Amino acid sequence: MAVTRLKRKEAKNRSRSSKRVADIKRLKTFVQIQSPYKGESGIVLEDQA
């Protein structure tokens, strides 16, 4: 009985850890979007409206 419980626990831990690793990898991917106002430094957007 204890062996079956340990096998179930092992399978659950394995699936949880693989999902955790996948989530960490997904959240670590950082797409850097360049600012459209990069060349126009010093402009305050509220004053343009």
PDB file of N, CA and C in Angstrom:
ATOM      1  N   MET A   1       0.830  -1.198   0.000  1.00  0.00           N
ATOM      2  CA  MET A   1       0.000   0.000   0.000  1.00  0.00           C
ATOM      3  C   MET A   1       0.869   1.255   0.000  1.00  0.00           C
ATOM      4  N   ALA A   2       1.907   1.242   0.812  1.00  0.00           N
ATOM      5  CA  ALA A   2       2.772   2.422   0.902  1.00  0.00           C
ATOM      6  C   ALA A   2       3.521   2.645  -0.400  1.00  0.00           C
ATOM      7  N   VAL A   3       3.839   1.573  -1.111  1.00  0.00           N
ATOM      8  CA  VAL A   3       4.561   1.711  -2.377  1.00  0.00           C
ATOM      9  C   VAL A   3       3.695   2.433  -3.400  1.00  0.00           C
ATOM     10  N   THR A   4       2.425   2.069  -3.448  1.00  0.00           N
ATOM     11  CA  THR A   4       1.512   2.725  -4.390  1.00  0.00           C
ATOM     12  C   THR A   4       1.380   4.205  -4.064  1.00  0.00           C
ATOM     13  N   ARG A   5       1.292   4.514  -2.781  1.00  0.00           N
ATOM     14  CA  ARG A   5       1.163   5.911  -2.358  1.00  0.00           C
ATOM     15  C   ARG A   5       2.412   6.699  -2.746  1.00  0.00           C
ATOM     16  N   LEU A   6       3.603   6.079  -2.567  1.00  0.00           N
ATOM     17  CA  LEU A   6       4.849   6.750  -2.933  1.00  0.00           C
ATOM     18  C   LEU A   6       4.952   6.948  -4.435  1.00  0.00           C
ATOM     19  N   LYS A   7       4.479   5.984  -5.204  1.00  0.00           N
ATOM     20  CA  LYS A   7       4.516   6.123  -6.664  1.00  0.00           C
ATOM     21  C   LYS A   7       3.601   7.259  -7.110  1.00  0.00           C
ATOM     22  N   ARG A   8       2.422   7.333  -6.486  1.00  0.00           N
ATOM     23  CA  ARG A   8       1.510   8.429  -6.814  1.00  0.00           C
ATOM     24  C   ARG A   8       2.115   9.768  -6.442  1.00  0.00           C
ATOM     25  N   LYS A   9       2.750   9.837  -5.267  1.00  0.00           N
ATOM     26  CA  LYS A   9       3.385  11.077  -4.820  1.00  0.00           C
ATOM     27  C   LYS A   9       4.517  11.464  -5.756  1.00  0.00           C
ATOM     28  N   GLU A  10       5.285  10.487  -6.204  1.00  0.00           N
ATOM     29  CA  GLU A  10       6.382  10.745  -7.123  1.00  0.00           C
ATOM     30  C   GLU A  10       5.866  11.290  -8.454  1.00  0.00           C
ATOM     31  N   ALA A  11       4.801  10.694  -8.959  1.00  0.00           N
ATOM     32  CA  ALA A  11       4.230  11.158 -10.225  1.00  0.00           C
ATOM     33  C   ALA A  11       3.672  12.571 -10.086  1.00  0.00           C
ATOM     34  N   LYS A  12       3.040  12.831  -8.946  1.00  0.00           N
ATOM     35  CA  LYS A  12       2.488  14.168  -8.711  1.00  0.00           C
ATOM     36  C   LYS A  12       3.603  15.199  -8.589  1.00  0.00           C
ATOM     37  N   ASN A  13       4.667  14.868  -7.865  1.00  0.00           N
ATOM     38  CA  ASN A  13       5.798  15.787  -7.729  1.00  0.00           C
ATOM     39  C   ASN A  13       6.462  16.042  -9.073  1.00  0.00           C
ATOM     40  N   ARG A  14       6.604  14.998  -9.890  1.00  0.00           N
ATOM     41  CA  ARG A  14       7.239  15.149 -11.194  1.00  0.00           C
ATOM     42  C   ARG A  14       6.417  16.078 -12.088  1.00  0.00           C
ATOM     43  N   SER A  15       5.094  15.894 -12.091  1.00  0.00           N
ATOM     44  CA  SER A  15       4.266  16.741 -12.946  1.00  0.00           C
ATOM     45  C   SER A  15       4.239  18.181 -12.438  1.00  0.00           C
ATOM     46  N   ARG A  16       4.214  18.347 -11.123  1.00  0.00           N
ATOM     47  CA  ARG A  16       4.229  19.704 -10.560  1.00  0.00           C
ATOM     48  C   ARG A  16       5.539  20.417 -10.860  1.00  0.00           C
ATOM     49  N   SER A  17       6.649  19.693 -10.738  1.00  0.00           N
ATOM     50  CA  SER A  17       7.946  20.337 -10.964  1.00  0.00           C
ATOM     51  C   SER A  17       8.134  20.683 -12.429  1.00  0.00           C
ATOM     52  N   SER A  18       7.683  19.821 -13.334  1.00  0.00           N
ATOM     53  CA  SER A  18       7.830  20.146 -14.751  1.00  0.00           C
ATOM     54  C   SER A  18       6.953  21.330 -15.120  1.00  0.00           C
ATOM     55  N   LYS A  19       5.770  21.422 -14.523  1.00  0.00           N
ATOM     56  CA  LYS A  19       4.911  22.578 -14.787  1.00  0.00           C
ATOM     57  C   LYS A  19       5.520  23.847 -14.195  1.00  0.00           C
ATOM     58  N   ARG A  20       6.133  23.717 -13.011  1.00  0.00           N
ATOM     59  CA  ARG A  20       6.763  24.872 -12.375  1.00  0.00           C
ATOM     60  C   ARG A  20       7.936  25.375 -13.211  1.00  0.00           C
ATOM     61  N   VAL A  21       8.745  24.449 -13.701  1.00  0.00           N
ATOM     62  CA  VAL A  21       9.885  24.836 -14.535  1.00  0.00           C
ATOM     63  C   VAL A  21       9.401  25.498 -15.821  1.00  0.00           C
ATOM     64  N   ALA A  22       8.352  24.949 -16.416  1.00  0.00           N
ATOM     65  CA  ALA A  22       7.810  25.529 -17.648  1.00  0.00           C
ATOM     66  C   ALA A  22       7.271  26.937 -17.385  1.00  0.00           C
ATOM     67  N   ASP A  23       6.597  27.128 -16.252  1.00  0.00           N
ATOM     68  CA  ASP A  23       6.068  28.449 -15.910  1.00  0.00           C
ATOM     69  C   ASP A  23       7.196  29.449 -15.680  1.00  0.00           C
ATOM     70  N   ILE A  24       8.255  29.015 -15.006  1.00  0.00           N
ATOM     71  CA  ILE A  24       9.391  29.907 -14.758  1.00  0.00           C
ATOM     72  C   ILE A  24      10.030  30.312 -16.077  1.00  0.00           C
ATOM     73  N   LYS A  25      10.220  29.350 -16.978  1.00  0.00           N
ATOM     74  CA  LYS A  25      10.803  29.660 -18.286  1.00  0.00           C
ATOM     75  C   LYS A  25       9.907  30.614 -19.059  1.00  0.00           C
ATOM     76  N   ARG A  26       8.590  30.404 -18.979  1.00  0.00           N
ATOM     77  CA  ARG A  26       7.648  31.262 -19.711  1.00  0.00           C
ATOM     78  C   ARG A  26       7.678  32.690 -19.146  1.00  0.00           C
ATOM     79  N   LEU A  27       7.747  32.810 -17.836  1.00  0.00           N
ATOM     80  CA  LEU A  27       7.716  34.134 -17.234  1.00  0.00           C
ATOM     81  C   LEU A  27       9.049  34.859 -17.361  1.00  0.00           C
ATOM     82  N   LYS A  28      10.140  34.113 -17.537  1.00  0.00           N
ATOM     83  CA  LYS A  28      11.450  34.744 -17.670  1.00  0.00           C
ATOM     84  C   LYS A  28      11.687  35.318 -19.056  1.00  0.00           C
ATOM     85  N   THR A  29      10.923  34.846 -20.043  1.00  0.00           N
ATOM     86  CA  THR A  29      11.106  35.387 -21.392  1.00  0.00           C
ATOM     87  C   THR A  29      10.609  36.819 -21.380  1.00  0.00           C
ATOM     88  N   PHE A  30      11.515  37.738 -21.626  1.00  0.00           N
ATOM     89  CA  PHE A  30      11.204  39.163 -21.528  1.00  0.00           C
ATOM     90  C   PHE A  30      11.422  39.773 -22.898  1.00  0.00           C
ATOM     91  N   VAL A  31      10.352  40.216 -23.516  1.00  0.00           N
ATOM     92  CA  VAL A  31      10.438  40.846 -24.822  1.00  0.00           C
ATOM     93  C   VAL A  31      10.581  42.340 -24.594  1.00  0.00           C
ATOM     94  N   GLN A  32      11.686  42.883 -25.058  1.00  0.00           N
ATOM     95  CA  GLN A  32      11.949  44.294 -24.837  1.00  0.00           C
ATOM     96  C   GLN A  32      11.454  45.073 -26.047  1.00  0.00           C
ATOM     97  N   ILE A  33      10.483  45.932 -25.825  1.00  0.00           N
ATOM     98  CA  ILE A  33       9.914  46.744 -26.889  1.00  0.00           C
ATOM     99  C   ILE A  33      10.558  48.114 -26.815  1.00  0.00           C
ATOM    100  N   GLN A  34      11.077  48.552 -27.955  1.00  0.00           N
ATOM    101  CA  GLN A  34      11.755  49.836 -27.973  1.00  0.00           C
ATOM    102  C   GLN A  34      10.725  50.962 -27.953  1.00  0.00           C
ATOM    103  N   SER A  35      11.032  52.008 -27.250  1.00  0.00           N
ATOM    104  CA  SER A  35      10.127  53.137 -27.113  1.00  0.00           C
ATOM    105  C   SER A  35       9.994  53.869 -28.444  1.00  0.00           C
ATOM    106  N   PRO A  36       8.763  54.240 -28.819  1.00  0.00           N
ATOM    107  CA  PRO A  36       8.594  54.991 -30.079  1.00  0.00           C
ATOM    108  C   PRO A  36       9.146  56.413 -29.981  1.00  0.00           C
ATOM    109  N   TYR A  37       9.364  56.905 -28.763  1.00  0.00           N
ATOM    110  CA  TYR A  37       9.851  58.272 -28.565  1.00  0.00           C
ATOM    111  C   TYR A  37      11.339  58.279 -28.239  1.00  0.00           C
ATOM    112  N   LYS A  38      12.075  57.253 -28.674  1.00  0.00           N
ATOM    113  CA  LYS A  38      13.478  57.116 -28.317  1.00  0.00           C
ATOM    114  C   LYS A  38      14.313  58.286 -28.859  1.00  0.00           C
ATOM    115  N   GLY A  39      14.031  58.710 -30.086  1.00  0.00           N
ATOM    116  CA  GLY A  39      14.811  59.785 -30.683  1.00  0.00           C
ATOM    117  C   GLY A  39      14.417  61.168 -30.192  1.00  0.00           C
ATOM    118  N   GLU A  40      13.220  61.299 -29.635  1.00  0.00           N
ATOM    119  CA  GLU A  40      12.703  62.598 -29.194  1.00  0.00           C
ATOM    120  C   GLU A  40      12.766  62.669 -27.678  1.00  0.00           C
ATOM    121  N   SER A  41      13.964  62.764 -27.127  1.00  0.00           N
ATOM    122  CA  SER A  41      14.078  62.758 -25.676  1.00  0.00           C
ATOM    123  C   SER A  41      13.664  64.120 -25.107  1.00  0.00           C
ATOM    124  N   GLY A  42      13.136  64.098 -23.926  1.00  0.00           N
ATOM    125  CA  GLY A  42      12.764  65.325 -23.243  1.00  0.00           C
ATOM    126  C   GLY A  42      11.337  65.764 -23.489  1.00  0.00           C
ATOM    127  N   ILE A  43      10.544  65.017 -24.273  1.00  0.00           N
ATOM    128  CA  ILE A  43       9.162  65.419 -24.566  1.00  0.00           C
ATOM    129  C   ILE A  43       8.244  64.815 -23.518  1.00  0.00           C
ATOM    130  N   VAL A  44       7.429  65.623 -22.907  1.00  0.00           N
ATOM    131  CA  VAL A  44       6.429  65.140 -21.957  1.00  0.00           C
ATOM    132  C   VAL A  44       5.146  64.923 -22.753  1.00  0.00           C
ATOM    133  N   LEU A  45       4.607  63.705 -22.674  1.00  0.00           N
ATOM    134  CA  LEU A  45       3.477  63.335 -23.525  1.00  0.00           C
ATOM    135  C   LEU A  45       2.215  64.114 -23.180  1.00  0.00           C
ATOM    136  N   GLU A  46       2.022  64.508 -21.928  1.00  0.00           N
ATOM    137  CA  GLU A  46       0.801  65.201 -21.545  1.00  0.00           C
ATOM    138  C   GLU A  46       0.730  66.595 -22.187  1.00  0.00           C
ATOM    139  N   ASP A  47       1.892  67.214 -22.440  1.00  0.00           N
ATOM    140  CA  ASP A  47       1.897  68.559 -23.024  1.00  0.00           C
ATOM    141  C   ASP A  47       1.538  68.573 -24.489  1.00  0.00           C
ATOM    142  N   GLN A  48       1.640  67.450 -25.178  1.00  0.00           N
ATOM    143  CA  GLN A  48       1.369  67.400 -26.599  1.00  0.00           C
ATOM    144  C   GLN A  48      -0.123  67.407 -26.895  1.00  0.00           C
ATOM    145  N   ALA A  49      -0.951  66.956 -25.997  1.00  0.00           N
ATOM    146  CA  ALA A  49      -2.391  66.807 -26.256  1.00  0.00           C
ATOM    147  C   ALA A  49      -3.116  68.139 -26.246  1.00  0.00           C
TER     148      ALA A  49
END
